[in-house]
Every structure is written in structure tokens, then in C-alpha cells.
């Protein structure tokens, strides 16, 4: 897997997870989001996205 594909997958996961998480938080929680909630969501989804991409990259390059 090339580095460009890794970056694109990370961005895809990050955007999807962040958008869905923020949408769910605004729908399920009746209070408006604070800036701390948004920053926390971005950090959490970024960390999860990095983890997923790292595991996938490691598994694909293990055999090489």
C-alpha cells in the first residue's frame, strides 16, 4: 500500500467518523455542542482513524 493511499484512507476514515459522531451528538443530545466537545470529538476520531490505518498498513506490509 503506497503512502498516498494510506493518507487518503486516513482522511476518509477521519471525515466519516467525525461527521457521523458530531451528527449523532447533536441529534441525541438536546444541548448545543461546546468547542470542547468538538475538539474532543476531533481528537478521538483522529486517534481511531490513525489506529485503523496503522493496523491495515501493518497487516498488508507484513508479508513483504
Protein backbone atom coordinates (compact mmCIF):
# COMPACT_ATOMS: atom_id res chain seq x y z
CA UNK A 1 0.00 0.00 0.00
CA UNK A 2 1.50 3.32 -1.03
CA UNK A 3 1.82 6.31 1.24
CA UNK A 4 -0.74 8.29 -0.78
CA UNK A 5 -3.35 5.55 -0.29
CA UNK A 6 -2.62 5.49 3.43
CA UNK A 7 -3.17 9.25 3.69
CA UNK A 8 -6.38 9.07 1.63
CA UNK A 9 -7.75 6.23 3.78
CA UNK A 10 -6.92 8.16 6.93
CA UNK A 11 -8.71 11.26 5.63
CA UNK A 12 -11.71 9.20 4.57
CA UNK A 13 -12.00 7.49 7.97
CA UNK A 14 -11.41 10.77 9.79
CA UNK A 15 -14.05 12.70 7.85
CA UNK A 16 -16.67 9.95 8.08
CA UNK A 17 -16.11 9.29 11.79
CA UNK A 18 -16.02 12.98 12.71
CA UNK A 19 -19.12 13.91 10.73
CA UNK A 20 -21.15 10.95 11.95
CA UNK A 21 -20.08 11.46 15.55
CA UNK A 22 -20.94 15.17 15.52
CA UNK A 23 -24.29 14.49 13.85
CA UNK A 24 -25.14 11.81 16.40
CA UNK A 25 -24.14 14.08 19.27
CA UNK A 26 -26.36 16.90 18.03
CA UNK A 27 -29.30 14.56 17.42
CA UNK A 28 -29.05 12.55 20.63
CA UNK A 29 -28.06 15.39 22.97
CA UNK A 30 -30.53 18.26 23.18
CA UNK A 31 -27.89 20.76 24.34
CA UNK A 32 -25.71 22.59 21.78
CA UNK A 33 -22.13 21.45 21.37
CA UNK A 34 -19.35 23.34 23.12
CA UNK A 35 -15.99 23.94 21.49
CA UNK A 36 -14.51 21.44 23.96
CA UNK A 37 -16.95 18.78 22.71
CA UNK A 38 -15.93 19.42 19.12
CA UNK A 39 -12.20 19.32 19.92
CA UNK A 40 -12.66 16.13 21.94
CA UNK A 41 -14.54 14.52 19.06
CA UNK A 42 -11.86 15.52 16.55
CA UNK A 43 -9.06 14.16 18.74
CA UNK A 44 -10.88 10.91 19.41
CA UNK A 45 -11.83 10.25 15.79
CA UNK A 46 -8.34 11.21 14.65
CA UNK A 47 -6.79 8.72 17.05
CA UNK A 48 -9.18 5.97 16.00
CA UNK A 49 -8.54 6.70 12.31
CA UNK A 50 -4.78 6.56 12.79
CA UNK A 51 -5.14 3.24 14.62
CA UNK A 52 -7.27 1.67 11.91
CA UNK A 53 -4.97 2.83 9.11
CA UNK A 54 -1.85 1.73 11.04
CA UNK A 55 -3.21 -1.78 11.61
CA UNK A 56 -4.33 -2.12 7.99
CA UNK A 57 -0.97 -0.84 6.71
CA UNK A 58 0.96 -3.17 9.02
CA UNK A 59 -1.08 -6.22 8.01
CA UNK A 60 -0.67 -5.52 4.29
CA UNK A 61 3.08 -4.96 4.54
CA UNK A 62 3.73 -7.88 6.91
CA UNK A 63 4.15 -10.35 4.07
CA UNK A 64 6.63 -8.21 2.14
